[in-house]
Amino acid sequence: MQILITPRSFGKNNPELFDILTQAGLDIIRNDTGAILSEAAMEEKLAGCSGLIVGVDPVTQKVLDAAPNLQAIAKYGVGLDNIDLNYCAKRGIKVSRTIGANSNAVADFTFTLMLAVARKAMLINTKCHAHDWTKITSLDIYGKTLGIIGLGAVGKCVAKRAQGFSMQVLAYDVQQDPAYAKDHNIRYTTLEELLQQSDVVTLHAQLTSANEKLINAERLALMKPTAILINTARGGLIDEDALLNALQNNALYGAGLDVFCEEPPLNPTWYTLENVVMGSHCSSSTLGATATMGHMACSNLLRDLGLA
């Protein structure tokens, strides 16, 4: 029985993951490109497979049609927007994800981006390496207001970290957890109020057709000119053209972005802005998180293939 594994970090520091799968009788096909697979590459590699461990590579109806033997998909992560779930359900393909495995890692990186943008750490570092010791004034984070869009597993981990910075925490989510919010001094608001009042806005929502380009030009205009926008969720949550315009015109203080609609982003303007700190979709790429995600993905796949 063949399976395809696409995530680049899978087993990189945990080779025992491959042993777990081969000892279960599976023949492994790996992503040897060093990049996210294209739709065409997915069709080719997945053709004879019964199982798939996938990252952010496209699992479209076209890809699924090329894999008539596919029985199970184990997402190496939690976002399922790259998988055609409706078609999987129609085909009877089981889909799992590694809920909670990377929440703390993503929350840590969220704060990394927040602090890096607020304190202009990248700009200061670049100037210091060029022997320029000019003093650069930046923003405070301690005691400010943090707006969390999507108070799920990652959002809650971010809120816990914000407590250490004595931040006031606002939250917007279509599915609320009032008891948790009350216990952790979090106030639910409308999206508009959150954007207007927050000094930092961080996105932790899943990407769906309903919230694509949730942060658009109109909503960016509600934010303070001293505000920071952080995205470690999905690039499609933001209208990137509108955000670029806001950043170029100093309508926002800055942005920390680990995700883009196209990765790497195609628009060359992104690479010229000093008020943007960029990531390579690496917020969950820690030794601990990748190990946990890997083991969970293996367990989920073996279970759904009837091998555990």
C-alpha atoms as a PDB file:
ATOM      1  CA  MET A   1       0.000   0.000   0.000  1.00  0.00           C
ATOM      2  CA  GLN A   2       1.492   3.317  -1.095  1.00  0.00           C
ATOM      3  CA  ILE A   3       1.234   6.688   0.631  1.00  0.00           C
ATOM      4  CA  LEU A   4       2.473  10.145  -0.307  1.00  0.00           C
ATOM      5  CA  ILE A   5       4.064  12.503   2.250  1.00  0.00           C
ATOM      6  CA  THR A   6       4.362  16.138   1.122  1.00  0.00           C
ATOM      7  CA  PRO A   7       5.318  18.348   4.128  1.00  0.00           C
ATOM      8  CA  ARG A   8       8.953  19.388   3.923  1.00  0.00           C
ATOM      9  CA  SER A   9       9.518  19.261   7.690  1.00  0.00           C
ATOM     10  CA  PHE A  10       7.916  15.836   8.164  1.00  0.00           C
ATOM     11  CA  GLY A  11      10.489  13.482   9.659  1.00  0.00           C
ATOM     12  CA  LYS A  12      13.327  15.954   9.129  1.00  0.00           C
ATOM     13  CA  ASN A  13      14.325  15.710  12.772  1.00  0.00           C
ATOM     14  CA  ASN A  14      12.265  12.607  13.557  1.00  0.00           C
ATOM     15  CA  PRO A  15      13.274   9.820  11.146  1.00  0.00           C
ATOM     16  CA  GLU A  16      11.443   7.327  13.346  1.00  0.00           C
ATOM     17  CA  LEU A  17       8.215   8.592  11.776  1.00  0.00           C
ATOM     18  CA  PHE A  18       9.127   6.865   8.524  1.00  0.00           C
ATOM     19  CA  ASP A  19       9.908   3.666  10.461  1.00  0.00           C
ATOM     20  CA  ILE A  20       6.443   3.759  12.045  1.00  0.00           C
ATOM     21  CA  LEU A  21       4.848   3.896   8.613  1.00  0.00           C
ATOM     22  CA  THR A  22       7.065   1.335   6.878  1.00  0.00           C
ATOM     23  CA  GLN A  23       6.692  -1.111   9.766  1.00  0.00           C
ATOM     24  CA  ALA A  24       2.940  -0.899   9.206  1.00  0.00           C
ATOM     25  CA  GLY A  25       3.540  -2.156   5.681  1.00  0.00           C
ATOM     26  CA  LEU A  26       3.361   1.153   3.831  1.00  0.00           C
ATOM     27  CA  ASP A  27       5.463   2.110   0.810  1.00  0.00           C
ATOM     28  CA  ILE A  28       6.349   5.808   1.110  1.00  0.00           C
ATOM     29  CA  ILE A  29       6.584   8.307  -1.725  1.00  0.00           C
ATOM     30  CA  ARG A  30       8.231  11.554  -0.608  1.00  0.00           C
ATOM     31  CA  ASN A  31       8.135  15.137  -1.786  1.00  0.00           C
ATOM     32  CA  ASP A  32      11.708  15.464  -3.038  1.00  0.00           C
ATOM     33  CA  THR A  33      11.307  18.912  -4.608  1.00  0.00           C
ATOM     34  CA  GLY A  34      12.003  20.991  -1.501  1.00  0.00           C
ATOM     35  CA  ALA A  35       8.914  23.071  -2.285  1.00  0.00           C
ATOM     36  CA  ILE A  36       5.131  22.998  -2.071  1.00  0.00           C
ATOM     37  CA  LEU A  37       3.873  20.637  -4.760  1.00  0.00           C
ATOM     38  CA  SER A  38       1.879  21.968  -7.688  1.00  0.00           C
ATOM     39  CA  GLU A  39      -1.472  20.513  -8.653  1.00  0.00           C
ATOM     40  CA  ALA A  40       0.173  18.648 -11.544  1.00  0.00           C
ATOM     41  CA  ALA A  41       2.871  17.213  -9.281  1.00  0.00           C
ATOM     42  CA  MET A  42       0.253  16.117  -6.764  1.00  0.00           C
ATOM     43  CA  GLU A  43      -1.679  14.319  -9.509  1.00  0.00           C
ATOM     44  CA  GLU A  44       1.457  12.467 -10.615  1.00  0.00           C
ATOM     45  CA  LYS A  45       2.745  11.457  -7.187  1.00  0.00           C
ATOM     46  CA  LEU A  46      -0.620  10.597  -5.635  1.00  0.00           C
ATOM     47  CA  ALA A  47      -1.894   8.492  -8.547  1.00  0.00           C
ATOM     48  CA  GLY A  48      -1.345   5.046  -7.024  1.00  0.00           C
ATOM     49  CA  CYS A  49      -1.614   5.991  -3.358  1.00  0.00           C
ATOM     50  CA  SER A  50      -4.063   4.827  -0.718  1.00  0.00           C
ATOM     51  CA  GLY A  51      -3.014   7.429   1.850  1.00  0.00           C
ATOM     52  CA  LEU A  52      -1.723  10.998   2.015  1.00  0.00           C
ATOM     53  CA  ILE A  53       0.012  13.057   4.684  1.00  0.00           C
ATOM     54  CA  VAL A  54      -0.270  16.619   3.417  1.00  0.00           C
ATOM     55  CA  GLY A  55       0.757  20.132   4.333  1.00  0.00           C
ATOM     56  CA  VAL A  56      -0.475  23.079   2.274  1.00  0.00           C
ATOM     57  CA  ASP A  57      -0.196  21.386  -1.115  1.00  0.00           C
ATOM     58  CA  PRO A  58      -3.387  21.473  -3.243  1.00  0.00           C
ATOM     59  CA  VAL A  59      -5.801  18.555  -2.825  1.00  0.00           C
ATOM     60  CA  THR A  60      -8.381  19.610  -5.386  1.00  0.00           C
ATOM     61  CA  GLN A  61     -11.054  17.540  -7.114  1.00  0.00           C
ATOM     62  CA  LYS A  62      -8.681  17.204 -10.058  1.00  0.00           C
ATOM     63  CA  VAL A  63      -5.958  15.824  -7.784  1.00  0.00           C
ATOM     64  CA  LEU A  64      -8.394  13.476  -6.081  1.00  0.00           C
ATOM     65  CA  ASP A  65      -9.687  12.216  -9.418  1.00  0.00           C
ATOM     66  CA  ALA A  66      -6.116  11.202 -10.262  1.00  0.00           C
ATOM     67  CA  ALA A  67      -5.998   9.017  -7.119  1.00  0.00           C
ATOM     68  CA  PRO A  68      -8.789   6.431  -7.405  1.00  0.00           C
ATOM     69  CA  ASN A  69      -7.358   4.310  -4.572  1.00  0.00           C
ATOM     70  CA  LEU A  70      -7.115   7.113  -2.019  1.00  0.00           C
ATOM     71  CA  GLN A  71      -8.772   6.207   1.279  1.00  0.00           C
ATOM     72  CA  ALA A  72      -7.401   8.644   3.868  1.00  0.00           C
ATOM     73  CA  ILE A  73      -5.821  12.082   4.147  1.00  0.00           C
ATOM     74  CA  ALA A  74      -3.950  13.117   7.287  1.00  0.00           C
ATOM     75  CA  LYS A  75      -3.426  16.875   7.451  1.00  0.00           C
ATOM     76  CA  TYR A  76      -0.062  17.813   8.962  1.00  0.00           C
ATOM     77  CA  GLY A  77      -1.540  20.864  10.669  1.00  0.00           C
ATOM     78  CA  VAL A  78      -5.084  22.114  11.222  1.00  0.00           C
ATOM     79  CA  GLY A  79      -6.127  24.272   8.255  1.00  0.00           C
ATOM     80  CA  LEU A  80      -8.168  22.323   5.712  1.00  0.00           C
ATOM     81  CA  ASP A  81      -8.716  25.050   3.114  1.00  0.00           C
ATOM     82  CA  ASN A  82      -6.344  23.356   0.629  1.00  0.00           C
ATOM     83  CA  ILE A  83      -8.453  20.171   0.652  1.00  0.00           C
ATOM     84  CA  ASP A  84     -11.739  19.747  -1.235  1.00  0.00           C
ATOM     85  CA  LEU A  85     -13.648  18.410   1.757  1.00  0.00           C
ATOM     86  CA  ASN A  86     -16.968  18.094  -0.039  1.00  0.00           C
ATOM     87  CA  TYR A  87     -15.456  15.909  -2.728  1.00  0.00           C
ATOM     88  CA  CYS A  88     -13.628  13.840  -0.096  1.00  0.00           C
ATOM     89  CA  ALA A  89     -16.944  13.234   1.653  1.00  0.00           C
ATOM     90  CA  LYS A  90     -18.539  12.242  -1.658  1.00  0.00           C
ATOM     91  CA  ARG A  91     -15.707   9.803  -2.295  1.00  0.00           C
ATOM     92  CA  GLY A  92     -15.723   8.471   1.276  1.00  0.00           C
ATOM     93  CA  ILE A  93     -12.142   9.625   1.868  1.00  0.00           C
ATOM     94  CA  LYS A  94     -11.429  10.124   5.567  1.00  0.00           C
ATOM     95  CA  VAL A  95      -9.768  13.431   6.493  1.00  0.00           C
ATOM     96  CA  SER A  96      -8.028  14.086   9.809  1.00  0.00           C
ATOM     97  CA  ARG A  97      -5.930  16.906  11.249  1.00  0.00           C
ATOM     98  CA  THR A  98      -3.483  17.436  14.109  1.00  0.00           C
ATOM     99  CA  ILE A  99      -5.570  19.654  16.369  1.00  0.00           C
ATOM    100  CA  GLY A 100      -3.579  21.292  19.176  1.00  0.00           C
ATOM    101  CA  ALA A 101      -0.206  19.955  18.067  1.00  0.00           C
ATOM    102  CA  ASN A 102       1.204  23.304  16.964  1.00  0.00           C
ATOM    103  CA  SER A 103      -0.900  25.821  18.918  1.00  0.00           C
ATOM    104  CA  ASN A 104       1.863  26.932  21.268  1.00  0.00           C
ATOM    105  CA  ALA A 105       4.440  27.154  18.488  1.00  0.00           C
ATOM    106  CA  VAL A 106       2.158  29.364  16.375  1.00  0.00           C
ATOM    107  CA  ALA A 107       1.311  31.518  19.400  1.00  0.00           C
ATOM    108  CA  ASP A 108       5.015  31.994  20.134  1.00  0.00           C
ATOM    109  CA  PHE A 109       5.678  33.079  16.563  1.00  0.00           C
ATOM    110  CA  THR A 110       2.692  35.412  16.673  1.00  0.00           C
ATOM    111  CA  PHE A 111       4.341  37.238  19.556  1.00  0.00           C
ATOM    112  CA  THR A 112       7.691  37.090  17.777  1.00  0.00           C
ATOM    113  CA  LEU A 113       6.192  38.941  14.818  1.00  0.00           C
ATOM    114  CA  MET A 114       4.292  41.335  17.078  1.00  0.00           C
ATOM    115  CA  LEU A 115       7.415  42.369  18.971  1.00  0.00           C
ATOM    116  CA  ALA A 116       9.604  42.436  15.873  1.00  0.00           C
ATOM    117  CA  VAL A 117       7.218  44.815  14.085  1.00  0.00           C
ATOM    118  CA  ALA A 118       6.505  46.997  17.121  1.00  0.00           C
ATOM    119  CA  ARG A 119      10.159  47.385  18.080  1.00  0.00           C
ATOM    120  CA  LYS A 120      11.432  47.502  14.461  1.00  0.00           C
ATOM    121  CA  ALA A 121      13.838  44.719  15.347  1.00  0.00           C
ATOM    122  CA  MET A 122      14.605  43.707  11.755  1.00  0.00           C
ATOM    123  CA  LEU A 123      15.336  47.282  10.671  1.00  0.00           C
ATOM    124  CA  ILE A 124      17.554  47.898  13.699  1.00  0.00           C
ATOM    125  CA  ASN A 125      19.398  44.631  13.102  1.00  0.00           C
ATOM    126  CA  THR A 126      20.001  45.470   9.427  1.00  0.00           C
ATOM    127  CA  LYS A 127      21.342  48.923  10.259  1.00  0.00           C
ATOM    128  CA  CYS A 128      23.585  47.592  13.030  1.00  0.00           C
ATOM    129  CA  HIS A 129      25.082  45.026  10.649  1.00  0.00           C
ATOM    130  CA  ALA A 130      25.873  47.958   8.366  1.00  0.00           C
ATOM    131  CA  HIS A 131      27.626  49.721  11.311  1.00  0.00           C
ATOM    132  CA  ASP A 132      24.793  52.268  11.541  1.00  0.00           C
ATOM    133  CA  TRP A 133      24.132  52.854  15.252  1.00  0.00           C
ATOM    134  CA  THR A 134      21.333  55.388  14.727  1.00  0.00           C
ATOM    135  CA  LYS A 135      18.735  55.307  17.493  1.00  0.00           C
ATOM    136  CA  ILE A 136      15.367  54.178  16.152  1.00  0.00           C
ATOM    137  CA  THR A 137      12.160  54.934  18.049  1.00  0.00           C
ATOM    138  CA  SER A 138       9.528  52.210  18.117  1.00  0.00           C
ATOM    139  CA  LEU A 139       6.252  51.221  19.784  1.00  0.00           C
ATOM    140  CA  ASP A 140       5.410  49.782  23.193  1.00  0.00           C
ATOM    141  CA  ILE A 141       3.479  46.514  23.487  1.00  0.00           C
ATOM    142  CA  TYR A 142       3.124  46.266  27.268  1.00  0.00           C
ATOM    143  CA  GLY A 143      -0.299  47.364  28.464  1.00  0.00           C
ATOM    144  CA  LYS A 144      -1.731  47.832  24.973  1.00  0.00           C
ATOM    145  CA  THR A 145      -4.932  46.363  23.512  1.00  0.00           C
ATOM    146  CA  LEU A 146      -4.751  43.117  21.567  1.00  0.00           C
ATOM    147  CA  GLY A 147      -7.540  42.083  19.209  1.00  0.00           C
ATOM    148  CA  ILE A 148      -7.743  38.362  18.422  1.00  0.00           C
ATOM    149  CA  ILE A 149      -9.799  37.322  15.407  1.00  0.00           C
ATOM    150  CA  GLY A 150     -10.530  33.644  15.958  1.00  0.00           C
ATOM    151  CA  LEU A 151     -10.395  32.613  19.617  1.00  0.00           C
ATOM    152  CA  GLY A 152      -9.779  28.925  18.986  1.00  0.00           C
ATOM    153  CA  ALA A 153      -6.859  26.796  20.125  1.00  0.00           C
ATOM    154  CA  VAL A 154      -4.155  29.142  18.813  1.00  0.00           C
ATOM    155  CA  GLY A 155      -6.067  32.306  19.707  1.00  0.00           C
ATOM    156  CA  LYS A 156      -6.400  31.148  23.302  1.00  0.00           C
ATOM    157  CA  CYS A 157      -2.669  30.440  23.498  1.00  0.00           C
ATOM    158  CA  VAL A 158      -1.978  33.951  22.210  1.00  0.00           C
ATOM    159  CA  ALA A 159      -4.359  35.394  24.818  1.00  0.00           C
ATOM    160  CA  LYS A 160      -2.444  33.610  27.600  1.00  0.00           C
ATOM    161  CA  ARG A 161       0.807  35.164  26.432  1.00  0.00           C
ATOM    162  CA  ALA A 162      -0.826  38.589  26.270  1.00  0.00           C
ATOM    163  CA  GLN A 163      -1.582  38.346  29.994  1.00  0.00           C
ATOM    164  CA  GLY A 164       2.154  38.446  30.674  1.00  0.00           C
ATOM    165  CA  PHE A 165       2.289  41.761  28.856  1.00  0.00           C
ATOM    166  CA  SER A 166      -0.720  43.126  30.791  1.00  0.00           C
ATOM    167  CA  MET A 167      -2.589  43.580  27.524  1.00  0.00           C
ATOM    168  CA  GLN A 168      -6.326  44.119  27.316  1.00  0.00           C
ATOM    169  CA  VAL A 169      -7.664  41.352  25.112  1.00  0.00           C
ATOM    170  CA  LEU A 170     -10.609  41.709  22.741  1.00  0.00           C
ATOM    171  CA  ALA A 171     -11.893  38.807  20.657  1.00  0.00           C
ATOM    172  CA  TYR A 172     -14.086  38.267  17.637  1.00  0.00           C
ATOM    173  CA  ASP A 173     -15.321  34.799  16.713  1.00  0.00           C
ATOM    174  CA  VAL A 174     -18.530  33.471  15.205  1.00  0.00           C
ATOM    175  CA  GLN A 175     -18.353  30.594  17.708  1.00  0.00           C
ATOM    176  CA  GLN A 176     -17.887  32.013  21.179  1.00  0.00           C
ATOM    177  CA  ASP A 177     -16.676  30.456  24.425  1.00  0.00           C
ATOM    178  CA  PRO A 178     -18.155  32.842  27.041  1.00  0.00           C
ATOM    179  CA  ALA A 179     -16.954  30.827  30.044  1.00  0.00           C
ATOM    180  CA  TYR A 180     -13.347  30.838  28.823  1.00  0.00           C
ATOM    181  CA  ALA A 181     -13.523  34.542  28.007  1.00  0.00           C
ATOM    182  CA  LYS A 182     -14.870  35.377  31.460  1.00  0.00           C
ATOM    183  CA  ASP A 183     -12.222  33.276  33.229  1.00  0.00           C
ATOM    184  CA  HIS A 184      -9.400  34.909  31.247  1.00  0.00           C
ATOM    185  CA  ASN A 185     -10.665  38.495  31.206  1.00  0.00           C
ATOM    186  CA  ILE A 186     -11.309  38.509  27.453  1.00  0.00           C
ATOM    187  CA  ARG A 187     -14.098  40.643  26.019  1.00  0.00           C
ATOM    188  CA  TYR A 188     -15.953  39.590  22.871  1.00  0.00           C
ATOM    189  CA  THR A 189     -16.723  42.451  20.494  1.00  0.00           C
ATOM    190  CA  THR A 190     -17.919  43.034  16.983  1.00  0.00           C
ATOM    191  CA  LEU A 191     -15.250  42.879  14.302  1.00  0.00           C
ATOM    192  CA  GLU A 192     -15.581  46.607  13.689  1.00  0.00           C
ATOM    193  CA  GLU A 193     -15.111  47.496  17.368  1.00  0.00           C
ATOM    194  CA  LEU A 194     -12.114  45.201  17.642  1.00  0.00           C
ATOM    195  CA  LEU A 195     -10.426  46.813  14.648  1.00  0.00           C
ATOM    196  CA  GLN A 196     -11.112  50.330  15.921  1.00  0.00           C
ATOM    197  CA  GLN A 197      -9.865  49.757  19.469  1.00  0.00           C
ATOM    198  CA  SER A 198      -6.931  47.377  19.081  1.00  0.00           C
ATOM    199  CA  ASP A 199      -3.275  48.373  18.993  1.00  0.00           C
ATOM    200  CA  VAL A 200      -2.429  44.942  17.608  1.00  0.00           C
ATOM    201  CA  VAL A 201      -4.800  42.758  15.562  1.00  0.00           C
ATOM    202  CA  THR A 202      -3.877  39.112  15.078  1.00  0.00           C
ATOM    203  CA  LEU A 203      -5.648  36.615  12.827  1.00  0.00           C
ATOM    204  CA  HIS A 204      -6.282  33.027  13.920  1.00  0.00           C
ATOM    205  CA  ALA A 205      -9.381  32.120  11.933  1.00  0.00           C
ATOM    206  CA  GLN A 206      -9.773  29.297   9.456  1.00  0.00           C
ATOM    207  CA  LEU A 207     -10.052  30.342   5.827  1.00  0.00           C
ATOM    208  CA  THR A 208     -13.523  29.696   4.410  1.00  0.00           C
ATOM    209  CA  SER A 209     -15.502  31.112   1.510  1.00  0.00           C
ATOM    210  CA  ALA A 210     -17.376  33.249   4.051  1.00  0.00           C
ATOM    211  CA  ASN A 211     -14.320  35.026   5.442  1.00  0.00           C
ATOM    212  CA  GLU A 212     -12.042  35.261   2.419  1.00  0.00           C
ATOM    213  CA  LYS A 213     -10.558  38.792   2.362  1.00  0.00           C
ATOM    214  CA  LEU A 214     -12.108  39.394   5.774  1.00  0.00           C
ATOM    215  CA  ILE A 215      -9.605  42.201   6.270  1.00  0.00           C
ATOM    216  CA  ASN A 216     -10.294  44.449   3.291  1.00  0.00           C
ATOM    217  CA  ALA A 217      -9.743  48.129   2.516  1.00  0.00           C
ATOM    218  CA  GLU A 218     -12.855  49.225   4.397  1.00  0.00           C
ATOM    219  CA  ARG A 219     -11.857  47.340   7.541  1.00  0.00           C
ATOM    220  CA  LEU A 220      -8.210  48.379   7.345  1.00  0.00           C
ATOM    221  CA  ALA A 221      -9.448  51.972   7.353  1.00  0.00           C
ATOM    222  CA  LEU A 222     -11.034  51.350  10.764  1.00  0.00           C
ATOM    223  CA  MET A 223      -7.670  50.558  12.352  1.00  0.00           C
ATOM    224  CA  LYS A 224      -5.471  53.069  14.122  1.00  0.00           C
ATOM    225  CA  PRO A 225      -2.552  54.449  12.077  1.00  0.00           C
ATOM    226  CA  THR A 226      -0.329  53.191  14.904  1.00  0.00           C
ATOM    227  CA  ALA A 227      -1.832  49.681  14.763  1.00  0.00           C
ATOM    228  CA  ILE A 228      -0.072  46.446  13.814  1.00  0.00           C
ATOM    229  CA  LEU A 229      -1.628  43.572  11.851  1.00  0.00           C
ATOM    230  CA  ILE A 230      -0.354  40.026  12.389  1.00  0.00           C
ATOM    231  CA  ASN A 231      -1.298  36.991  10.296  1.00  0.00           C
ATOM    232  CA  THR A 232      -0.097  33.469  11.077  1.00  0.00           C
ATOM    233  CA  ALA A 233      -3.315  31.825   9.842  1.00  0.00           C
ATOM    234  CA  ARG A 234      -3.977  32.012   6.085  1.00  0.00           C
ATOM    235  CA  GLY A 235      -3.059  34.635   3.511  1.00  0.00           C
ATOM    236  CA  GLY A 236      -6.531  34.598   1.990  1.00  0.00           C
ATOM    237  CA  LEU A 237      -7.985  36.231   5.097  1.00  0.00           C
ATOM    238  CA  ILE A 238      -6.487  39.537   3.934  1.00  0.00           C
ATOM    239  CA  ASP A 239      -7.007  41.581   0.776  1.00  0.00           C
ATOM    240  CA  GLU A 240      -3.282  41.855   0.074  1.00  0.00           C
ATOM    241  CA  ASP A 241      -3.567  44.740  -2.393  1.00  0.00           C
ATOM    242  CA  ALA A 242      -5.485  46.762   0.193  1.00  0.00           C
ATOM    243  CA  LEU A 243      -2.922  45.945   2.889  1.00  0.00           C
ATOM    244  CA  LEU A 244      -0.027  46.900   0.637  1.00  0.00           C
ATOM    245  CA  ASN A 245      -1.676  50.227  -0.059  1.00  0.00           C
ATOM    246  CA  ALA A 246      -2.224  50.869   3.662  1.00  0.00           C
ATOM    247  CA  LEU A 247       1.380  50.019   4.509  1.00  0.00           C
ATOM    248  CA  GLN A 248       2.829  52.096   1.684  1.00  0.00           C
ATOM    249  CA  ASN A 249       0.786  55.100   2.774  1.00  0.00           C
ATOM    250  CA  ASN A 250       1.550  54.640   6.496  1.00  0.00           C
ATOM    251  CA  ALA A 251      -2.107  54.087   7.267  1.00  0.00           C
ATOM    252  CA  LEU A 252      -0.823  51.292   9.525  1.00  0.00           C
ATOM    253  CA  TYR A 253       2.327  51.146  11.617  1.00  0.00           C
ATOM    254  CA  GLY A 254       3.272  47.741  10.250  1.00  0.00           C
ATOM    255  CA  ALA A 255       2.461  44.107   9.650  1.00  0.00           C
ATOM    256  CA  GLY A 256       3.915  40.728  10.558  1.00  0.00           C
ATOM    257  CA  LEU A 257       2.943  38.120   7.973  1.00  0.00           C
ATOM    258  CA  ASP A 258       3.838  34.445   8.009  1.00  0.00           C
ATOM    259  CA  VAL A 259       1.306  33.565   5.315  1.00  0.00           C
ATOM    260  CA  PHE A 260       0.411  34.935   1.895  1.00  0.00           C
ATOM    261  CA  CYS A 261      -2.068  34.103  -0.864  1.00  0.00           C
ATOM    262  CA  GLU A 262       0.879  32.985  -2.985  1.00  0.00           C
ATOM    263  CA  GLU A 263       3.950  31.666  -1.195  1.00  0.00           C
ATOM    264  CA  PRO A 264       6.377  33.196  -1.788  1.00  0.00           C
ATOM    265  CA  PRO A 265       4.376  36.322  -2.693  1.00  0.00           C
ATOM    266  CA  LEU A 266       4.623  37.363  -6.316  1.00  0.00           C
ATOM    267  CA  ASN A 267       4.246  41.132  -5.890  1.00  0.00           C
ATOM    268  CA  PRO A 268       7.783  42.590  -5.597  1.00  0.00           C
ATOM    269  CA  THR A 269       6.533  45.450  -3.414  1.00  0.00           C
ATOM    270  CA  TRP A 270       6.376  43.144  -0.391  1.00  0.00           C
ATOM    271  CA  TYR A 271      10.151  42.831  -0.442  1.00  0.00           C
ATOM    272  CA  THR A 272      10.749  46.594  -0.322  1.00  0.00           C
ATOM    273  CA  LEU A 273       8.740  47.583   2.763  1.00  0.00           C
ATOM    274  CA  GLU A 274      10.584  48.285   6.004  1.00  0.00           C
ATOM    275  CA  ASN A 275       7.369  48.104   8.038  1.00  0.00           C
ATOM    276  CA  VAL A 276       6.710  44.453   7.160  1.00  0.00           C
ATOM    277  CA  VAL A 277       8.280  41.420   8.824  1.00  0.00           C
ATOM    278  CA  MET A 278       7.801  38.331   6.668  1.00  0.00           C
ATOM    279  CA  GLY A 279       7.794  34.628   7.455  1.00  0.00           C
ATOM    280  CA  SER A 280       7.902  31.582   5.189  1.00  0.00           C
ATOM    281  CA  HIS A 281       4.785  29.899   6.635  1.00  0.00           C
ATOM    282  CA  CYS A 282       7.035  28.654   9.416  1.00  0.00           C
ATOM    283  CA  SER A 283       5.124  29.549  12.587  1.00  0.00           C
ATOM    284  CA  SER A 284       4.589  25.883  13.446  1.00  0.00           C
ATOM    285  CA  SER A 285       8.091  24.811  12.452  1.00  0.00           C
ATOM    286  CA  THR A 286       9.650  24.070  15.823  1.00  0.00           C
ATOM    287  CA  LEU A 287      11.256  20.818  16.917  1.00  0.00           C
ATOM    288  CA  GLY A 288       8.478  20.155  19.409  1.00  0.00           C
ATOM    289  CA  ALA A 289       5.558  21.038  17.154  1.00  0.00           C
ATOM    290  CA  THR A 290       6.802  19.145  14.099  1.00  0.00           C
ATOM    291  CA  ALA A 291       7.457  16.043  16.195  1.00  0.00           C
ATOM    292  CA  THR A 292       3.982  16.163  17.726  1.00  0.00           C
ATOM    293  CA  MET A 293       2.303  16.876  14.383  1.00  0.00           C
ATOM    294  CA  GLY A 294       4.249  14.076  12.747  1.00  0.00           C
ATOM    295  CA  HIS A 295       3.303  11.470  15.334  1.00  0.00           C
ATOM    296  CA  MET A 296      -0.337  12.582  15.325  1.00  0.00           C
ATOM    297  CA  ALA A 297      -0.493  12.520  11.517  1.00  0.00           C
ATOM    298  CA  CYS A 298       0.977   9.002  11.451  1.00  0.00           C
ATOM    299  CA  SER A 299      -1.482   7.773  14.074  1.00  0.00           C
ATOM    300  CA  ASN A 300      -4.416   9.401  12.275  1.00  0.00           C
ATOM    301  CA  LEU A 301      -3.443   7.931   8.907  1.00  0.00           C
ATOM    302  CA  LEU A 302      -2.832   4.414  10.217  1.00  0.00           C
ATOM    303  CA  ARG A 303      -6.159   4.507  12.039  1.00  0.00           C
ATOM    304  CA  ASP A 304      -8.077   5.666   8.981  1.00  0.00           C
ATOM    305  CA  LEU A 305      -6.376   3.094   6.752  1.00  0.00           C
ATOM    306  CA  GLY A 306      -7.379   0.382   9.211  1.00  0.00           C
ATOM    307  CA  LEU A 307      -3.780  -0.409  10.133  1.00  0.00           C
ATOM    308  CA  ALA A 308      -3.929   0.569  13.812  1.00  0.00           C
END
